[in-house]
Amino acid sequence: MVKNNKTQGSKDMNSKRAQGSKDMNSKRAQEEIVGFTMIILIVAVVLIIFLSLSVKNPQKDTIESYEVESYLQALLQKTSDCMSSSNRYYSLEELMFKCDSAEACNDGREACDVFVKELGRVSNQSWNLGKGSPIRGYSLNATVDGEELKSISYGNKTRSSKGSSQEKMRNNKIFILEFEAYY
C-alpha cells in the first residue's frame, strides 16, 4: 500500500506540474493573442487615418495655364446682352470690335460700357477670389494696335501669376485681349 501511495503521490505531483505547465502555456497564449489584437488595432487605426487623408480632395494651390487659356477663349465667345439692329446678340469678341469703332447697342447703350461690364461680371463669377481660394486677383487688358482699349482688374496683384492672350484681326487692326490670374 505504501507503494501505491508513493505512486499516487508521484502521479499527483506530475499532474500538478503538467497543469502548471498548461497554465503557463495558456497565459503565454493569452498574452500573444492580446499582443496580436493590439497590433491589428494599431494597423487599423493607421489605415483609417491614411485613408481619410488620401480621400479628401486637397485645395489647389495654383492654377494651370490651360485653365487661363480656356477661360480666355470661352470669354470671347460669351454672348452679351447687347443686341444688334438685326436683333442678334453680340459676343464679347464682337463687342470689343464695336467698342473700338465707338458703336452702340440697339437699345442705345455704348458697346464699350457693355463690354467692360460683361468682362467684369463673367470674370468675377468665373474666378473665385474668396477666402481660402488660391486666386488672389486678375487683370484683363484689351488693346488695339498696341494701345489700350479697355482694362479691368480685381483683387491683389502678386508675383505669381498665369496669363494668356488672344489675338484677333479686324479691318487691318490687331486686337489683343490679355488675361492674367494672380495666385
C-alpha atoms as a PDB file:
ATOM      1  CA  MET A   1       0.000   0.000   0.000  1.00  0.00           C
ATOM      2  CA  VAL A   2       2.823   2.297   0.658  1.00  0.00           C
ATOM      3  CA  LYS A   3       3.985   1.755  -2.842  1.00  0.00           C
ATOM      4  CA  ASN A   4       0.580   2.748  -4.077  1.00  0.00           C
ATOM      5  CA  ASN A   5       0.675   5.983  -2.099  1.00  0.00           C
ATOM      6  CA  LYS A   6       4.113   6.782  -3.448  1.00  0.00           C
ATOM      7  CA  THR A   7       2.978   6.067  -6.954  1.00  0.00           C
ATOM      8  CA  GLN A   8      -0.119   8.059  -6.394  1.00  0.00           C
ATOM      9  CA  GLY A   9       1.921  10.937  -4.898  1.00  0.00           C
ATOM     10  CA  SER A  10       4.169  10.911  -7.951  1.00  0.00           C
ATOM     11  CA  LYS A  11       1.169  10.966 -10.194  1.00  0.00           C
ATOM     12  CA  ASP A  12      -0.309  13.890  -8.264  1.00  0.00           C
ATOM     13  CA  MET A  13       2.985  15.699  -8.442  1.00  0.00           C
ATOM     14  CA  ASN A  14       3.303  15.045 -12.174  1.00  0.00           C
ATOM     15  CA  SER A  15      -0.296  16.085 -12.709  1.00  0.00           C
ATOM     16  CA  LYS A  16       0.305  19.385 -10.826  1.00  0.00           C
ATOM     17  CA  ARG A  17       3.417  20.012 -12.862  1.00  0.00           C
ATOM     18  CA  ALA A  18       1.534  19.279 -16.059  1.00  0.00           C
ATOM     19  CA  GLN A  19      -1.317  21.541 -15.002  1.00  0.00           C
ATOM     20  CA  GLY A  20       1.135  24.297 -14.020  1.00  0.00           C
ATOM     21  CA  SER A  21       2.783  23.921 -17.378  1.00  0.00           C
ATOM     22  CA  LYS A  22      -0.636  24.123 -19.067  1.00  0.00           C
ATOM     23  CA  ASP A  23      -1.447  27.282 -17.072  1.00  0.00           C
ATOM     24  CA  MET A  24       1.875  28.824 -18.151  1.00  0.00           C
ATOM     25  CA  ASN A  25       1.236  27.884 -21.773  1.00  0.00           C
ATOM     26  CA  SER A  26      -2.310  29.210 -21.502  1.00  0.00           C
ATOM     27  CA  LYS A  27      -1.064  32.530 -20.066  1.00  0.00           C
ATOM     28  CA  ARG A  28       1.541  32.847 -22.805  1.00  0.00           C
ATOM     29  CA  ALA A  29      -1.085  32.119 -25.436  1.00  0.00           C
ATOM     30  CA  GLN A  30      -3.400  34.720 -23.955  1.00  0.00           C
ATOM     31  CA  GLU A  31      -0.591  37.297 -23.902  1.00  0.00           C
ATOM     32  CA  GLU A  32       0.210  36.534 -27.529  1.00  0.00           C
ATOM     33  CA  ILE A  33      -3.450  36.899 -28.516  1.00  0.00           C
ATOM     34  CA  VAL A  34      -3.695  40.230 -26.678  1.00  0.00           C
ATOM     35  CA  GLY A  35      -0.487  41.432 -28.344  1.00  0.00           C
ATOM     36  CA  PHE A  36      -1.682  40.329 -31.771  1.00  0.00           C
ATOM     37  CA  THR A  37      -5.024  42.071 -31.213  1.00  0.00           C
ATOM     38  CA  MET A  38      -3.208  45.290 -30.228  1.00  0.00           C
ATOM     39  CA  ILE A  39      -1.116  45.135 -33.400  1.00  0.00           C
ATOM     40  CA  ILE A  40      -4.241  44.677 -35.529  1.00  0.00           C
ATOM     41  CA  LEU A  41      -5.930  47.633 -33.809  1.00  0.00           C
ATOM     42  CA  ILE A  42      -2.907  49.888 -34.335  1.00  0.00           C
ATOM     43  CA  VAL A  43      -2.677  48.911 -38.002  1.00  0.00           C
ATOM     44  CA  ALA A  44      -6.432  49.519 -38.446  1.00  0.00           C
ATOM     45  CA  VAL A  45      -6.192  52.994 -36.875  1.00  0.00           C
ATOM     46  CA  VAL A  46      -3.209  53.899 -39.076  1.00  0.00           C
ATOM     47  CA  LEU A  47      -5.075  52.675 -42.181  1.00  0.00           C
ATOM     48  CA  ILE A  48      -8.184  54.676 -41.281  1.00  0.00           C
ATOM     49  CA  ILE A  49      -6.114  57.842 -40.805  1.00  0.00           C
ATOM     50  CA  PHE A  50      -4.261  57.251 -44.083  1.00  0.00           C
ATOM     51  CA  LEU A  51      -7.498  56.630 -45.997  1.00  0.00           C
ATOM     52  CA  SER A  52      -9.208  59.699 -44.564  1.00  0.00           C
ATOM     53  CA  LEU A  53      -6.269  61.888 -45.595  1.00  0.00           C
ATOM     54  CA  SER A  54      -5.997  60.401 -49.071  1.00  0.00           C
ATOM     55  CA  VAL A  55      -9.732  60.559 -49.811  1.00  0.00           C
ATOM     56  CA  LYS A  56     -10.028  64.279 -49.067  1.00  0.00           C
ATOM     57  CA  ASN A  57      -9.712  66.494 -52.135  1.00  0.00           C
ATOM     58  CA  PRO A  58      -6.963  68.934 -51.345  1.00  0.00           C
ATOM     59  CA  GLN A  59      -7.449  72.598 -52.249  1.00  0.00           C
ATOM     60  CA  LYS A  60      -5.494  73.520 -55.333  1.00  0.00           C
ATOM     61  CA  ASP A  61      -2.530  75.766 -54.635  1.00  0.00           C
ATOM     62  CA  THR A  62      -2.172  77.178 -58.117  1.00  0.00           C
ATOM     63  CA  ILE A  63      -3.987  77.477 -61.374  1.00  0.00           C
ATOM     64  CA  GLU A  64      -2.903  75.776 -64.551  1.00  0.00           C
ATOM     65  CA  SER A  65      -2.015  77.524 -67.810  1.00  0.00           C
ATOM     66  CA  TYR A  66      -4.669  75.606 -69.723  1.00  0.00           C
ATOM     67  CA  GLU A  67      -7.329  76.959 -67.347  1.00  0.00           C
ATOM     68  CA  VAL A  68      -6.365  80.538 -68.173  1.00  0.00           C
ATOM     69  CA  GLU A  69      -6.176  79.839 -71.921  1.00  0.00           C
ATOM     70  CA  SER A  70      -9.525  78.044 -71.963  1.00  0.00           C
ATOM     71  CA  TYR A  71     -11.155  80.791 -69.943  1.00  0.00           C
ATOM     72  CA  LEU A  72      -9.994  83.486 -72.332  1.00  0.00           C
ATOM     73  CA  GLN A  73     -11.194  81.536 -75.385  1.00  0.00           C
ATOM     74  CA  ALA A  74     -14.588  80.937 -73.793  1.00  0.00           C
ATOM     75  CA  LEU A  75     -14.833  84.546 -72.631  1.00  0.00           C
ATOM     76  CA  LEU A  76     -14.575  85.883 -76.173  1.00  0.00           C
ATOM     77  CA  GLN A  77     -17.330  83.515 -77.317  1.00  0.00           C
ATOM     78  CA  LYS A  78     -19.689  84.502 -74.479  1.00  0.00           C
ATOM     79  CA  THR A  79     -22.863  86.166 -75.717  1.00  0.00           C
ATOM     80  CA  SER A  80     -23.617  89.559 -74.219  1.00  0.00           C
ATOM     81  CA  ASP A  81     -26.973  91.267 -73.699  1.00  0.00           C
ATOM     82  CA  CYS A  82     -26.098  93.848 -76.362  1.00  0.00           C
ATOM     83  CA  MET A  83     -28.307  93.398 -79.397  1.00  0.00           C
ATOM     84  CA  SER A  84     -27.561  94.445 -82.958  1.00  0.00           C
ATOM     85  CA  SER A  85     -30.049  96.240 -85.206  1.00  0.00           C
ATOM     86  CA  SER A  86     -30.825  92.837 -86.747  1.00  0.00           C
ATOM     87  CA  ASN A  87     -31.868  91.553 -83.291  1.00  0.00           C
ATOM     88  CA  ARG A  88     -28.781  89.361 -82.897  1.00  0.00           C
ATOM     89  CA  TYR A  89     -26.818  89.348 -79.628  1.00  0.00           C
ATOM     90  CA  TYR A  90     -23.131  90.257 -79.900  1.00  0.00           C
ATOM     91  CA  SER A  91     -20.381  88.060 -78.479  1.00  0.00           C
ATOM     92  CA  LEU A  92     -17.759  89.726 -76.294  1.00  0.00           C
ATOM     93  CA  GLU A  93     -15.324  89.447 -79.196  1.00  0.00           C
ATOM     94  CA  GLU A  94     -17.741  91.402 -81.426  1.00  0.00           C
ATOM     95  CA  LEU A  95     -18.292  93.920 -78.624  1.00  0.00           C
ATOM     96  CA  MET A  96     -14.546  94.508 -78.468  1.00  0.00           C
ATOM     97  CA  PHE A  97     -14.613  95.415 -82.181  1.00  0.00           C
ATOM     98  CA  LYS A  98     -17.720  97.593 -81.707  1.00  0.00           C
ATOM     99  CA  CYS A  99     -16.071  99.335 -78.757  1.00  0.00           C
ATOM    100  CA  ASP A 100     -13.101 100.304 -80.927  1.00  0.00           C
ATOM    101  CA  SER A 101     -15.402 101.869 -83.520  1.00  0.00           C
ATOM    102  CA  ALA A 102     -17.480 103.608 -80.790  1.00  0.00           C
ATOM    103  CA  GLU A 103     -20.710 101.880 -81.787  1.00  0.00           C
ATOM    104  CA  ALA A 104     -23.778 101.400 -79.622  1.00  0.00           C
ATOM    105  CA  CYS A 105     -26.149  98.541 -78.908  1.00  0.00           C
ATOM    106  CA  ASN A 106     -29.651  98.534 -80.370  1.00  0.00           C
ATOM    107  CA  ASP A 107     -31.006  99.856 -77.042  1.00  0.00           C
ATOM    108  CA  GLY A 108     -28.618 102.853 -77.072  1.00  0.00           C
ATOM    109  CA  ARG A 109     -26.012 101.638 -74.583  1.00  0.00           C
ATOM    110  CA  GLU A 110     -22.372 102.166 -75.580  1.00  0.00           C
ATOM    111  CA  ALA A 111     -20.648  98.962 -76.732  1.00  0.00           C
ATOM    112  CA  CYS A 112     -17.602  99.809 -74.574  1.00  0.00           C
ATOM    113  CA  ASP A 113     -19.720 100.096 -71.422  1.00  0.00           C
ATOM    114  CA  VAL A 114     -21.384  96.750 -72.059  1.00  0.00           C
ATOM    115  CA  PHE A 115     -18.012  95.182 -72.944  1.00  0.00           C
ATOM    116  CA  VAL A 116     -16.379  96.280 -69.662  1.00  0.00           C
ATOM    117  CA  LYS A 117     -19.455  95.376 -67.584  1.00  0.00           C
ATOM    118  CA  GLU A 118     -19.648  91.883 -69.113  1.00  0.00           C
ATOM    119  CA  LEU A 119     -15.895  91.280 -68.733  1.00  0.00           C
ATOM    120  CA  GLY A 120     -16.106  92.140 -65.041  1.00  0.00           C
ATOM    121  CA  ARG A 121     -19.303  90.192 -64.373  1.00  0.00           C
ATOM    122  CA  VAL A 122     -18.160  86.999 -66.090  1.00  0.00           C
ATOM    123  CA  SER A 123     -14.663  87.172 -64.584  1.00  0.00           C
ATOM    124  CA  ASN A 124     -15.998  87.682 -61.052  1.00  0.00           C
ATOM    125  CA  GLN A 125     -18.291  84.688 -61.464  1.00  0.00           C
ATOM    126  CA  SER A 126     -15.578  82.524 -63.008  1.00  0.00           C
ATOM    127  CA  TRP A 127     -12.633  83.256 -60.719  1.00  0.00           C
ATOM    128  CA  ASN A 128     -13.386  82.741 -57.034  1.00  0.00           C
ATOM    129  CA  LEU A 129     -11.393  85.305 -55.077  1.00  0.00           C
ATOM    130  CA  GLY A 130     -12.930  84.404 -51.721  1.00  0.00           C
ATOM    131  CA  LYS A 131     -11.232  83.310 -48.537  1.00  0.00           C
ATOM    132  CA  GLY A 132      -9.371  80.039 -48.957  1.00  0.00           C
ATOM    133  CA  SER A 133      -9.153  80.397 -52.724  1.00  0.00           C
ATOM    134  CA  PRO A 134      -5.755  80.139 -54.393  1.00  0.00           C
ATOM    135  CA  ILE A 135      -6.704  83.024 -56.714  1.00  0.00           C
ATOM    136  CA  ARG A 136      -5.763  86.451 -55.314  1.00  0.00           C
ATOM    137  CA  GLY A 137      -6.713  88.643 -58.252  1.00  0.00           C
ATOM    138  CA  TYR A 138      -6.886  89.046 -62.018  1.00  0.00           C
ATOM    139  CA  SER A 139      -6.446  91.624 -64.734  1.00  0.00           C
ATOM    140  CA  LEU A 140      -7.883  91.904 -68.237  1.00  0.00           C
ATOM    141  CA  ASN A 141      -6.455  94.236 -70.868  1.00  0.00           C
ATOM    142  CA  ALA A 142      -7.842  94.856 -74.339  1.00  0.00           C
ATOM    143  CA  THR A 143      -5.535  96.618 -76.773  1.00  0.00           C
ATOM    144  CA  VAL A 144      -5.865  97.711 -80.396  1.00  0.00           C
ATOM    145  CA  ASP A 145      -2.625  98.020 -82.351  1.00  0.00           C
ATOM    146  CA  GLY A 146      -0.692  98.227 -79.076  1.00  0.00           C
ATOM    147  CA  GLU A 147      -2.843 100.961 -77.486  1.00  0.00           C
ATOM    148  CA  GLU A 148      -5.130 100.240 -74.556  1.00  0.00           C
ATOM    149  CA  LEU A 149      -8.790  99.963 -75.441  1.00  0.00           C
ATOM    150  CA  LYS A 150     -10.150  98.903 -72.023  1.00  0.00           C
ATOM    151  CA  SER A 151      -8.649  97.436 -68.874  1.00  0.00           C
ATOM    152  CA  ILE A 152     -10.102  95.966 -65.686  1.00  0.00           C
ATOM    153  CA  SER A 153      -8.521  94.357 -62.654  1.00  0.00           C
ATOM    154  CA  TYR A 154      -9.833  92.927 -59.434  1.00  0.00           C
ATOM    155  CA  GLY A 155      -8.173  91.713 -56.237  1.00  0.00           C
ATOM    156  CA  ASN A 156      -4.482  91.758 -55.456  1.00  0.00           C
ATOM    157  CA  LYS A 157      -1.632  91.508 -57.908  1.00  0.00           C
ATOM    158  CA  THR A 158       1.067  89.132 -56.683  1.00  0.00           C
ATOM    159  CA  ARG A 159       4.394  87.970 -58.041  1.00  0.00           C
ATOM    160  CA  SER A 160       2.957  84.589 -59.035  1.00  0.00           C
ATOM    161  CA  SER A 161       0.611  84.549 -61.997  1.00  0.00           C
ATOM    162  CA  LYS A 162      -0.522  82.661 -65.069  1.00  0.00           C
ATOM    163  CA  GLY A 163      -1.586  84.514 -68.148  1.00  0.00           C
ATOM    164  CA  SER A 164      -2.766  84.106 -71.682  1.00  0.00           C
ATOM    165  CA  SER A 165      -3.719  86.290 -74.610  1.00  0.00           C
ATOM    166  CA  GLN A 166      -5.925  86.045 -77.671  1.00  0.00           C
ATOM    167  CA  GLU A 167      -5.068  87.953 -80.831  1.00  0.00           C
ATOM    168  CA  LYS A 168      -7.755  88.849 -83.376  1.00  0.00           C
ATOM    169  CA  MET A 169      -7.567  90.774 -86.654  1.00  0.00           C
ATOM    170  CA  ARG A 170     -10.285  93.039 -87.981  1.00  0.00           C
ATOM    171  CA  ASN A 171     -10.140  95.893 -90.508  1.00  0.00           C
ATOM    172  CA  ASN A 172      -6.348  95.621 -90.614  1.00  0.00           C
ATOM    173  CA  LYS A 173      -6.160  96.204 -86.849  1.00  0.00           C
ATOM    174  CA  ILE A 174      -4.714  93.793 -84.291  1.00  0.00           C
ATOM    175  CA  PHE A 175      -6.911  93.309 -81.236  1.00  0.00           C
ATOM    176  CA  ILE A 176      -5.341  91.586 -78.240  1.00  0.00           C
ATOM    177  CA  LEU A 177      -7.183  90.518 -75.117  1.00  0.00           C
ATOM    178  CA  GLU A 178      -4.825  89.571 -72.291  1.00  0.00           C
ATOM    179  CA  PHE A 179      -5.862  87.881 -69.071  1.00  0.00           C
ATOM    180  CA  GLU A 180      -3.640  87.291 -66.064  1.00  0.00           C
ATOM    181  CA  ALA A 181      -4.664  85.469 -62.878  1.00  0.00           C
ATOM    182  CA  TYR A 182      -2.620  86.065 -59.719  1.00  0.00           C
ATOM    183  CA  TYR A 183      -2.200  83.407 -57.042  1.00  0.00           C
END
